[in-house]
Amino acid sequence: MTRTQLNLRVSEHLERAIDEKRIELRASLGTIPSRSDVLRLALAAYLGLSLDESEADRRATTGPAKRKAR
């Protein structure tokens, strides 16, 4: 399966709203999702799609999960 990268420019207002949603989702997800994750969730809801494992963000990060592994 190939994956396409989309670049999206947003206003500072929308960026703040996305970041606030990331913090809000931490309670239900256990970690703070990436901005890409939040946008995937929003697009899936808007388009009426179900996200599966193929839509997970697979980039390597130094996020909380990696920090816990150390």
N, C-alpha and C. Protein backbone atom coordinates (compact mmCIF):
# COMPACT_ATOMS: atom_id res chain seq x y z
N MET A 1 0.84 -1.18 0.00
CA MET A 1 0.00 0.00 0.00
C MET A 1 0.88 1.24 0.00
N THR A 2 0.60 2.16 -0.88
CA THR A 2 1.36 3.40 -0.90
C THR A 2 0.67 4.45 -0.06
N ARG A 3 1.44 5.37 0.42
CA ARG A 3 0.89 6.46 1.23
C ARG A 3 1.30 7.78 0.58
N THR A 4 0.39 8.71 0.54
CA THR A 4 0.62 10.01 -0.05
C THR A 4 0.74 11.04 1.05
N GLN A 5 1.71 11.91 0.93
CA GLN A 5 1.86 12.99 1.89
C GLN A 5 1.11 14.21 1.38
N LEU A 6 0.30 14.80 2.23
CA LEU A 6 -0.40 16.04 1.91
C LEU A 6 0.12 17.12 2.84
N ASN A 7 0.41 18.26 2.30
CA ASN A 7 0.83 19.40 3.11
C ASN A 7 -0.34 20.36 3.23
N LEU A 8 -0.55 20.86 4.42
CA LEU A 8 -1.71 21.70 4.69
C LEU A 8 -1.27 22.94 5.44
N ARG A 9 -1.66 24.08 4.95
CA ARG A 9 -1.39 25.33 5.65
C ARG A 9 -2.65 25.73 6.40
N VAL A 10 -2.48 26.11 7.66
CA VAL A 10 -3.63 26.52 8.47
C VAL A 10 -3.30 27.83 9.18
N SER A 11 -4.35 28.52 9.58
CA SER A 11 -4.17 29.77 10.33
C SER A 11 -3.68 29.43 11.74
N GLU A 12 -3.18 30.44 12.44
CA GLU A 12 -2.75 30.24 13.82
C GLU A 12 -3.94 29.83 14.69
N HIS A 13 -5.11 30.37 14.39
CA HIS A 13 -6.32 30.02 15.14
C HIS A 13 -6.63 28.52 15.02
N LEU A 14 -6.57 28.00 13.80
CA LEU A 14 -6.84 26.58 13.58
C LEU A 14 -5.73 25.72 14.19
N GLU A 15 -4.50 26.18 14.11
CA GLU A 15 -3.39 25.45 14.73
C GLU A 15 -3.60 25.32 16.24
N ARG A 16 -4.01 26.40 16.88
CA ARG A 16 -4.28 26.36 18.34
C ARG A 16 -5.42 25.40 18.65
N ALA A 17 -6.46 25.42 17.82
CA ALA A 17 -7.60 24.53 18.05
C ALA A 17 -7.18 23.07 17.92
N ILE A 18 -6.33 22.76 16.94
CA ILE A 18 -5.83 21.39 16.76
C ILE A 18 -5.01 20.98 17.98
N ASP A 19 -4.15 21.87 18.45
CA ASP A 19 -3.32 21.55 19.61
C ASP A 19 -4.16 21.37 20.87
N GLU A 20 -5.20 22.17 21.03
CA GLU A 20 -6.10 22.00 22.18
C GLU A 20 -6.80 20.64 22.11
N LYS A 21 -7.20 20.24 20.92
CA LYS A 21 -7.85 18.93 20.75
C LYS A 21 -6.87 17.81 21.06
N ARG A 22 -5.59 17.98 20.70
CA ARG A 22 -4.57 16.96 21.00
C ARG A 22 -4.50 16.74 22.50
N ILE A 23 -4.47 17.83 23.27
CA ILE A 23 -4.40 17.72 24.73
C ILE A 23 -5.67 17.07 25.28
N GLU A 24 -6.81 17.45 24.74
CA GLU A 24 -8.09 16.88 25.16
C GLU A 24 -8.13 15.37 24.91
N LEU A 25 -7.61 14.93 23.77
CA LEU A 25 -7.64 13.50 23.42
C LEU A 25 -6.70 12.66 24.27
N ARG A 26 -5.75 13.30 24.93
CA ARG A 26 -4.81 12.53 25.78
C ARG A 26 -5.55 11.72 26.83
N ALA A 27 -6.64 12.27 27.38
CA ALA A 27 -7.38 11.56 28.42
C ALA A 27 -7.96 10.24 27.90
N SER A 28 -8.43 10.22 26.67
CA SER A 28 -9.05 8.99 26.15
C SER A 28 -8.06 8.09 25.43
N LEU A 29 -6.98 8.65 24.90
CA LEU A 29 -6.02 7.83 24.14
C LEU A 29 -4.81 7.40 24.97
N GLY A 30 -4.55 8.08 26.07
CA GLY A 30 -3.40 7.72 26.91
C GLY A 30 -2.11 8.42 26.51
N THR A 31 -2.05 8.95 25.31
CA THR A 31 -0.90 9.74 24.85
C THR A 31 -1.44 10.91 24.04
N ILE A 32 -0.60 11.90 23.83
CA ILE A 32 -1.00 13.04 23.01
C ILE A 32 -0.81 12.66 21.55
N PRO A 33 -1.88 12.64 20.76
CA PRO A 33 -1.74 12.28 19.35
C PRO A 33 -1.02 13.37 18.57
N SER A 34 -0.44 13.00 17.45
CA SER A 34 0.22 13.99 16.59
C SER A 34 -0.84 14.86 15.92
N ARG A 35 -0.41 15.97 15.38
CA ARG A 35 -1.33 16.82 14.62
C ARG A 35 -1.90 16.02 13.45
N SER A 36 -1.05 15.23 12.81
CA SER A 36 -1.51 14.40 11.69
C SER A 36 -2.61 13.44 12.14
N ASP A 37 -2.45 12.84 13.32
CA ASP A 37 -3.47 11.93 13.84
C ASP A 37 -4.80 12.66 14.02
N VAL A 38 -4.75 13.87 14.58
CA VAL A 38 -5.97 14.64 14.80
C VAL A 38 -6.63 14.97 13.47
N LEU A 39 -5.84 15.35 12.48
CA LEU A 39 -6.41 15.66 11.17
C LEU A 39 -7.00 14.42 10.52
N ARG A 40 -6.34 13.26 10.67
CA ARG A 40 -6.91 12.01 10.14
C ARG A 40 -8.25 11.70 10.78
N LEU A 41 -8.33 11.86 12.11
CA LEU A 41 -9.59 11.61 12.81
C LEU A 41 -10.69 12.56 12.33
N ALA A 42 -10.34 13.83 12.17
CA ALA A 42 -11.32 14.82 11.73
C ALA A 42 -11.79 14.52 10.30
N LEU A 43 -10.85 14.18 9.42
CA LEU A 43 -11.23 13.87 8.04
C LEU A 43 -12.09 12.61 7.97
N ALA A 44 -11.75 11.62 8.76
CA ALA A 44 -12.54 10.39 8.77
C ALA A 44 -13.96 10.67 9.23
N ALA A 45 -14.11 11.48 10.28
CA ALA A 45 -15.45 11.82 10.77
C ALA A 45 -16.22 12.61 9.72
N TYR A 46 -15.57 13.57 9.09
CA TYR A 46 -16.22 14.40 8.07
C TYR A 46 -16.62 13.59 6.84
N LEU A 47 -15.76 12.67 6.44
CA LEU A 47 -16.01 11.86 5.25
C LEU A 47 -16.82 10.61 5.53
N GLY A 48 -17.08 10.33 6.81
CA GLY A 48 -17.85 9.15 7.18
C GLY A 48 -17.08 7.86 6.96
N LEU A 49 -15.78 7.90 7.21
CA LEU A 49 -14.92 6.74 7.01
C LEU A 49 -14.48 6.18 8.35
N SER A 50 -14.08 4.91 8.32
CA SER A 50 -13.51 4.27 9.50
C SER A 50 -12.01 4.14 9.29
N LEU A 51 -11.23 4.57 10.26
CA LEU A 51 -9.78 4.45 10.16
C LEU A 51 -9.35 3.08 10.64
N ASP A 52 -8.44 2.47 9.92
CA ASP A 52 -7.89 1.20 10.35
C ASP A 52 -6.40 1.38 10.58
N GLU A 53 -5.73 0.31 10.89
CA GLU A 53 -4.30 0.37 11.21
C GLU A 53 -3.48 0.94 10.05
N SER A 54 -3.97 0.80 8.83
CA SER A 54 -3.21 1.31 7.68
C SER A 54 -3.10 2.83 7.69
N GLU A 55 -3.96 3.50 8.45
CA GLU A 55 -3.92 4.96 8.51
C GLU A 55 -3.12 5.49 9.69
N ALA A 56 -2.52 4.62 10.46
CA ALA A 56 -1.74 5.07 11.62
C ALA A 56 -0.50 5.82 11.16
N ASP A 57 -0.10 6.80 11.95
CA ASP A 57 1.10 7.57 11.67
C ASP A 57 2.30 6.71 12.06
N ARG A 58 3.09 6.28 11.08
CA ARG A 58 4.20 5.37 11.36
C ARG A 58 5.56 6.05 11.41
N ARG A 59 5.56 7.38 11.48
CA ARG A 59 6.85 8.07 11.55
C ARG A 59 7.52 7.78 12.89
N ALA A 60 8.84 7.71 12.88
CA ALA A 60 9.58 7.54 14.12
C ALA A 60 9.59 8.89 14.84
N THR A 61 9.30 8.86 16.12
CA THR A 61 9.30 10.10 16.90
C THR A 61 10.03 9.86 18.21
N THR A 62 10.21 10.91 18.95
CA THR A 62 10.75 10.79 20.30
C THR A 62 9.64 11.08 21.29
N GLY A 63 8.44 10.72 20.95
CA GLY A 63 7.27 10.97 21.77
C GLY A 63 7.26 10.18 23.05
N PRO A 64 6.16 10.27 23.80
CA PRO A 64 6.06 9.64 25.11
C PRO A 64 6.34 8.14 25.11
N ALA A 65 5.87 7.42 24.11
CA ALA A 65 6.10 5.98 24.09
C ALA A 65 7.58 5.66 23.98
N LYS A 66 8.29 6.39 23.16
CA LYS A 66 9.73 6.16 23.02
C LYS A 66 10.46 6.57 24.30
N ARG A 67 10.03 7.68 24.91
CA ARG A 67 10.70 8.11 26.15
C ARG A 67 10.51 7.09 27.26
N LYS A 68 9.34 6.45 27.33
CA LYS A 68 9.08 5.44 28.36
C LYS A 68 9.96 4.21 28.14
N ALA A 69 10.27 3.91 26.89
CA ALA A 69 11.04 2.71 26.56
C ALA A 69 12.49 2.82 27.01
N ARG A 70 12.96 4.00 27.24
CA ARG A 70 14.38 4.19 27.63
C ARG A 70 14.68 3.75 29.01
